[in-house]
Amino acid sequence: LLAALVYAALFGSVVSLLTAVVLGRVELAVVQAPARVALPLAAPLVVSLGAGIYEELLFRVLLVSGILGLARLIGWGRPLALGAAIVGSALIFSAFHYVGPLGDRLTLASFAFRAIAGVVLSALYASRGFGSAAWTHALYDVGLALLGRF
């Protein structure tokens, strides 16, 4: 939990910096803030914790593991299969945020930010496991929820 707290504290800055490098702009990618709605503090905290856990379960455990297994089945070596799983799941993770009536407005900067965040979280999952990735994501989201209240 302590490691995930440190990862979460660094996560946004690292992903923003990587996004700026990839896009070739000094402008850091800022993900759109949700509309401000007067909710009790517990609501955004529960949503943030839940999103971190269920998104990591879906996009890391199921998708990374599934793509990795499929790639290994067709004969790819582990490094290539893992790379494809990490990048593929990260792109799907990013795209998922723009689907449906509650989806965000698609911009290159926000898509790139989320895709890079997906790569970082997938790499964290592959190297440290589900718990580290889920807690990092959840605590990062909690931090955003708390900052959005001020």
C-alpha atoms as a PDB file:
ATOM      1  CA  LEU A   1       0.000   0.000   0.000  1.00  0.00           C
ATOM      2  CA  LEU A   2       2.860   2.367   0.808  1.00  0.00           C
ATOM      3  CA  ALA A   3       4.536   1.626  -2.534  1.00  0.00           C
ATOM      4  CA  ALA A   4       1.242   2.234  -4.342  1.00  0.00           C
ATOM      5  CA  LEU A   5       0.846   5.543  -2.502  1.00  0.00           C
ATOM      6  CA  VAL A   6       4.276   6.630  -3.767  1.00  0.00           C
ATOM      7  CA  TYR A   7       3.478   5.370  -7.288  1.00  0.00           C
ATOM      8  CA  ALA A   8       0.145   7.212  -7.256  1.00  0.00           C
ATOM      9  CA  ALA A   9       1.814  10.441  -6.100  1.00  0.00           C
ATOM     10  CA  LEU A  10       4.253  10.278  -9.029  1.00  0.00           C
ATOM     11  CA  PHE A  11       1.890   8.773 -11.595  1.00  0.00           C
ATOM     12  CA  GLY A  12       0.209  11.889 -13.003  1.00  0.00           C
ATOM     13  CA  SER A  13       3.438  13.870 -13.329  1.00  0.00           C
ATOM     14  CA  VAL A  14       5.310  11.016 -15.000  1.00  0.00           C
ATOM     15  CA  VAL A  15       2.470  10.246 -17.422  1.00  0.00           C
ATOM     16  CA  SER A  16       2.009  13.958 -18.225  1.00  0.00           C
ATOM     17  CA  LEU A  17       5.718  14.346 -18.933  1.00  0.00           C
ATOM     18  CA  LEU A  18       5.772  11.232 -21.147  1.00  0.00           C
ATOM     19  CA  THR A  19       2.680  12.484 -22.977  1.00  0.00           C
ATOM     20  CA  ALA A  20       4.342  15.838 -23.633  1.00  0.00           C
ATOM     21  CA  VAL A  21       7.440  14.058 -24.972  1.00  0.00           C
ATOM     22  CA  VAL A  22       5.393  11.749 -27.223  1.00  0.00           C
ATOM     23  CA  LEU A  23       3.280  14.611 -28.581  1.00  0.00           C
ATOM     24  CA  GLY A  24       6.339  16.838 -28.965  1.00  0.00           C
ATOM     25  CA  ARG A  25       4.744  19.636 -26.981  1.00  0.00           C
ATOM     26  CA  VAL A  26       5.604  21.263 -23.733  1.00  0.00           C
ATOM     27  CA  GLU A  27       1.864  21.534 -23.098  1.00  0.00           C
ATOM     28  CA  LEU A  28       1.074  18.824 -20.603  1.00  0.00           C
ATOM     29  CA  ALA A  29      -1.948  16.672 -21.259  1.00  0.00           C
ATOM     30  CA  VAL A  30      -4.709  17.508 -18.870  1.00  0.00           C
ATOM     31  CA  VAL A  31      -7.597  15.102 -18.704  1.00  0.00           C
ATOM     32  CA  GLN A  32     -10.924  16.888 -18.681  1.00  0.00           C
ATOM     33  CA  ALA A  33     -12.269  17.529 -15.243  1.00  0.00           C
ATOM     34  CA  PRO A  34     -15.696  16.075 -14.622  1.00  0.00           C
ATOM     35  CA  ALA A  35     -18.602  18.447 -14.274  1.00  0.00           C
ATOM     36  CA  ARG A  36     -18.899  19.701 -10.720  1.00  0.00           C
ATOM     37  CA  VAL A  37     -21.867  18.199  -8.992  1.00  0.00           C
ATOM     38  CA  ALA A  38     -22.604  18.685  -5.323  1.00  0.00           C
ATOM     39  CA  LEU A  39     -22.146  15.177  -3.952  1.00  0.00           C
ATOM     40  CA  PRO A  40     -21.097  14.064  -0.503  1.00  0.00           C
ATOM     41  CA  LEU A  41     -17.353  13.397  -0.259  1.00  0.00           C
ATOM     42  CA  ALA A  42     -17.941   9.644   0.057  1.00  0.00           C
ATOM     43  CA  ALA A  43     -19.444   9.397  -3.458  1.00  0.00           C
ATOM     44  CA  PRO A  44     -16.368  10.438  -5.492  1.00  0.00           C
ATOM     45  CA  LEU A  45     -14.134   8.430  -3.158  1.00  0.00           C
ATOM     46  CA  VAL A  46     -16.167   5.261  -3.703  1.00  0.00           C
ATOM     47  CA  VAL A  47     -16.267   5.854  -7.469  1.00  0.00           C
ATOM     48  CA  SER A  48     -12.506   6.488  -7.548  1.00  0.00           C
ATOM     49  CA  LEU A  49     -11.666   3.380  -5.556  1.00  0.00           C
ATOM     50  CA  GLY A  50     -14.071   1.290  -7.604  1.00  0.00           C
ATOM     51  CA  ALA A  51     -12.773   2.571 -10.942  1.00  0.00           C
ATOM     52  CA  GLY A  52      -9.195   1.797  -9.971  1.00  0.00           C
ATOM     53  CA  ILE A  53     -10.093  -1.729  -8.968  1.00  0.00           C
ATOM     54  CA  TYR A  54     -12.534  -2.716 -11.722  1.00  0.00           C
ATOM     55  CA  GLU A  55     -10.540  -1.037 -14.526  1.00  0.00           C
ATOM     56  CA  GLU A  56      -7.386  -2.824 -13.409  1.00  0.00           C
ATOM     57  CA  LEU A  57      -9.259  -6.106 -13.193  1.00  0.00           C
ATOM     58  CA  LEU A  58     -10.704  -5.656 -16.682  1.00  0.00           C
ATOM     59  CA  PHE A  59      -7.812  -4.029 -18.550  1.00  0.00           C
ATOM     60  CA  ARG A  60      -4.834  -5.569 -16.793  1.00  0.00           C
ATOM     61  CA  VAL A  61      -5.844  -8.961 -15.401  1.00  0.00           C
ATOM     62  CA  LEU A  62      -8.277  -9.976 -18.149  1.00  0.00           C
ATOM     63  CA  LEU A  63      -7.027  -8.047 -21.185  1.00  0.00           C
ATOM     64  CA  VAL A  64      -3.244  -8.052 -20.659  1.00  0.00           C
ATOM     65  CA  SER A  65      -3.339 -11.690 -19.546  1.00  0.00           C
ATOM     66  CA  GLY A  66      -5.696 -12.618 -22.393  1.00  0.00           C
ATOM     67  CA  ILE A  67      -3.661 -10.929 -25.125  1.00  0.00           C
ATOM     68  CA  LEU A  68      -0.457 -12.343 -23.649  1.00  0.00           C
ATOM     69  CA  GLY A  69      -1.921 -15.857 -23.592  1.00  0.00           C
ATOM     70  CA  LEU A  70      -3.264 -15.561 -27.140  1.00  0.00           C
ATOM     71  CA  ALA A  71       0.042 -14.219 -28.463  1.00  0.00           C
ATOM     72  CA  ARG A  72       1.936 -17.041 -26.751  1.00  0.00           C
ATOM     73  CA  LEU A  73      -0.534 -19.558 -28.217  1.00  0.00           C
ATOM     74  CA  ILE A  74       0.230 -18.407 -31.754  1.00  0.00           C
ATOM     75  CA  GLY A  75       3.941 -18.748 -31.084  1.00  0.00           C
ATOM     76  CA  TRP A  76       5.157 -15.275 -30.191  1.00  0.00           C
ATOM     77  CA  GLY A  77       8.057 -15.100 -27.755  1.00  0.00           C
ATOM     78  CA  ARG A  78       7.322 -13.748 -24.299  1.00  0.00           C
ATOM     79  CA  PRO A  79       8.882 -10.261 -24.783  1.00  0.00           C
ATOM     80  CA  LEU A  80       6.959  -9.615 -28.020  1.00  0.00           C
ATOM     81  CA  ALA A  81       3.743 -11.075 -26.598  1.00  0.00           C
ATOM     82  CA  LEU A  82       4.035  -8.987 -23.418  1.00  0.00           C
ATOM     83  CA  GLY A  83       4.770  -5.832 -25.425  1.00  0.00           C
ATOM     84  CA  ALA A  84       1.713  -6.443 -27.619  1.00  0.00           C
ATOM     85  CA  ALA A  85      -0.427  -7.118 -24.538  1.00  0.00           C
ATOM     86  CA  ILE A  86       0.735  -3.941 -22.802  1.00  0.00           C
ATOM     87  CA  VAL A  87       0.286  -1.665 -25.827  1.00  0.00           C
ATOM     88  CA  GLY A  88      -2.952  -3.291 -27.022  1.00  0.00           C
ATOM     89  CA  SER A  89      -4.610  -3.138 -23.612  1.00  0.00           C
ATOM     90  CA  ALA A  90      -3.422   0.456 -23.105  1.00  0.00           C
ATOM     91  CA  LEU A  91      -5.008   1.601 -26.386  1.00  0.00           C
ATOM     92  CA  ILE A  92      -8.283  -0.160 -25.542  1.00  0.00           C
ATOM     93  CA  PHE A  93      -8.144   1.291 -21.998  1.00  0.00           C
ATOM     94  CA  SER A  94      -7.787   4.795 -23.419  1.00  0.00           C
ATOM     95  CA  ALA A  95     -10.543   4.331 -26.012  1.00  0.00           C
ATOM     96  CA  PHE A  96     -12.913   3.011 -23.329  1.00  0.00           C
ATOM     97  CA  HIS A  97     -13.013   6.492 -21.727  1.00  0.00           C
ATOM     98  CA  TYR A  98     -14.741   8.008 -24.785  1.00  0.00           C
ATOM     99  CA  VAL A  99     -17.585   5.499 -25.149  1.00  0.00           C
ATOM    100  CA  GLY A 100     -21.208   6.134 -24.271  1.00  0.00           C
ATOM    101  CA  PRO A 101     -23.169   9.160 -23.156  1.00  0.00           C
ATOM    102  CA  LEU A 102     -20.899   9.753 -20.146  1.00  0.00           C
ATOM    103  CA  GLY A 103     -17.718   9.401 -22.217  1.00  0.00           C
ATOM    104  CA  ASP A 104     -15.280  12.289 -22.404  1.00  0.00           C
ATOM    105  CA  ARG A 105     -14.729  14.408 -25.506  1.00  0.00           C
ATOM    106  CA  LEU A 106     -11.948  12.840 -27.577  1.00  0.00           C
ATOM    107  CA  THR A 107      -8.776  14.886 -27.983  1.00  0.00           C
ATOM    108  CA  LEU A 108      -5.327  13.724 -29.023  1.00  0.00           C
ATOM    109  CA  ALA A 109      -3.789  14.915 -25.758  1.00  0.00           C
ATOM    110  CA  SER A 110      -6.311  13.154 -23.517  1.00  0.00           C
ATOM    111  CA  PHE A 111      -6.202   9.950 -25.593  1.00  0.00           C
ATOM    112  CA  ALA A 112      -2.393   9.945 -25.508  1.00  0.00           C
ATOM    113  CA  PHE A 113      -2.361  10.662 -21.761  1.00  0.00           C
ATOM    114  CA  ARG A 114      -4.694   7.742 -21.057  1.00  0.00           C
ATOM    115  CA  ALA A 115      -2.878   5.396 -23.442  1.00  0.00           C
ATOM    116  CA  ILE A 116       0.447   6.174 -21.757  1.00  0.00           C
ATOM    117  CA  ALA A 117      -1.214   5.779 -18.357  1.00  0.00           C
ATOM    118  CA  GLY A 118      -2.418   2.385 -19.576  1.00  0.00           C
ATOM    119  CA  VAL A 119       1.115   1.420 -20.617  1.00  0.00           C
ATOM    120  CA  VAL A 120       2.469   2.468 -17.213  1.00  0.00           C
ATOM    121  CA  LEU A 121      -0.269   0.614 -15.323  1.00  0.00           C
ATOM    122  CA  SER A 122       0.126  -2.476 -17.521  1.00  0.00           C
ATOM    123  CA  ALA A 123       3.888  -2.467 -16.976  1.00  0.00           C
ATOM    124  CA  LEU A 124       3.272  -2.092 -13.258  1.00  0.00           C
ATOM    125  CA  TYR A 125       0.835  -5.014 -13.385  1.00  0.00           C
ATOM    126  CA  ALA A 126       3.319  -7.164 -15.337  1.00  0.00           C
ATOM    127  CA  SER A 127       6.185  -6.372 -12.968  1.00  0.00           C
ATOM    128  CA  ARG A 128       4.504  -5.975  -9.551  1.00  0.00           C
ATOM    129  CA  GLY A 129       1.093  -7.610  -9.868  1.00  0.00           C
ATOM    130  CA  PHE A 130      -2.570  -6.717  -9.676  1.00  0.00           C
ATOM    131  CA  GLY A 131      -2.482  -5.220  -6.178  1.00  0.00           C
ATOM    132  CA  SER A 132       0.163  -2.634  -7.040  1.00  0.00           C
ATOM    133  CA  ALA A 133      -1.576  -1.596 -10.256  1.00  0.00           C
ATOM    134  CA  ALA A 134      -5.060  -1.469  -8.685  1.00  0.00           C
ATOM    135  CA  TRP A 135      -3.988   0.493  -5.611  1.00  0.00           C
ATOM    136  CA  THR A 136      -1.884   2.897  -7.687  1.00  0.00           C
ATOM    137  CA  HIS A 137      -4.800   3.586 -10.031  1.00  0.00           C
ATOM    138  CA  ALA A 138      -7.349   3.845  -7.215  1.00  0.00           C
ATOM    139  CA  LEU A 139      -5.214   6.154  -5.068  1.00  0.00           C
ATOM    140  CA  TYR A 140      -4.400   8.345  -8.078  1.00  0.00           C
ATOM    141  CA  ASP A 141      -8.130   8.658  -8.827  1.00  0.00           C
ATOM    142  CA  VAL A 142      -8.852   9.415  -5.154  1.00  0.00           C
ATOM    143  CA  GLY A 143      -6.237  12.173  -5.282  1.00  0.00           C
ATOM    144  CA  LEU A 144      -7.918  13.662  -8.347  1.00  0.00           C
ATOM    145  CA  ALA A 145     -11.322  13.448  -6.667  1.00  0.00           C
ATOM    146  CA  LEU A 146     -10.046  15.207  -3.565  1.00  0.00           C
ATOM    147  CA  LEU A 147      -8.241  17.903  -5.576  1.00  0.00           C
ATOM    148  CA  GLY A 148     -11.392  18.458  -7.650  1.00  0.00           C
ATOM    149  CA  ARG A 149     -13.297  19.412  -4.525  1.00  0.00           C
ATOM    150  CA  PHE A 150     -11.172  22.507  -3.933  1.00  0.00           C
END
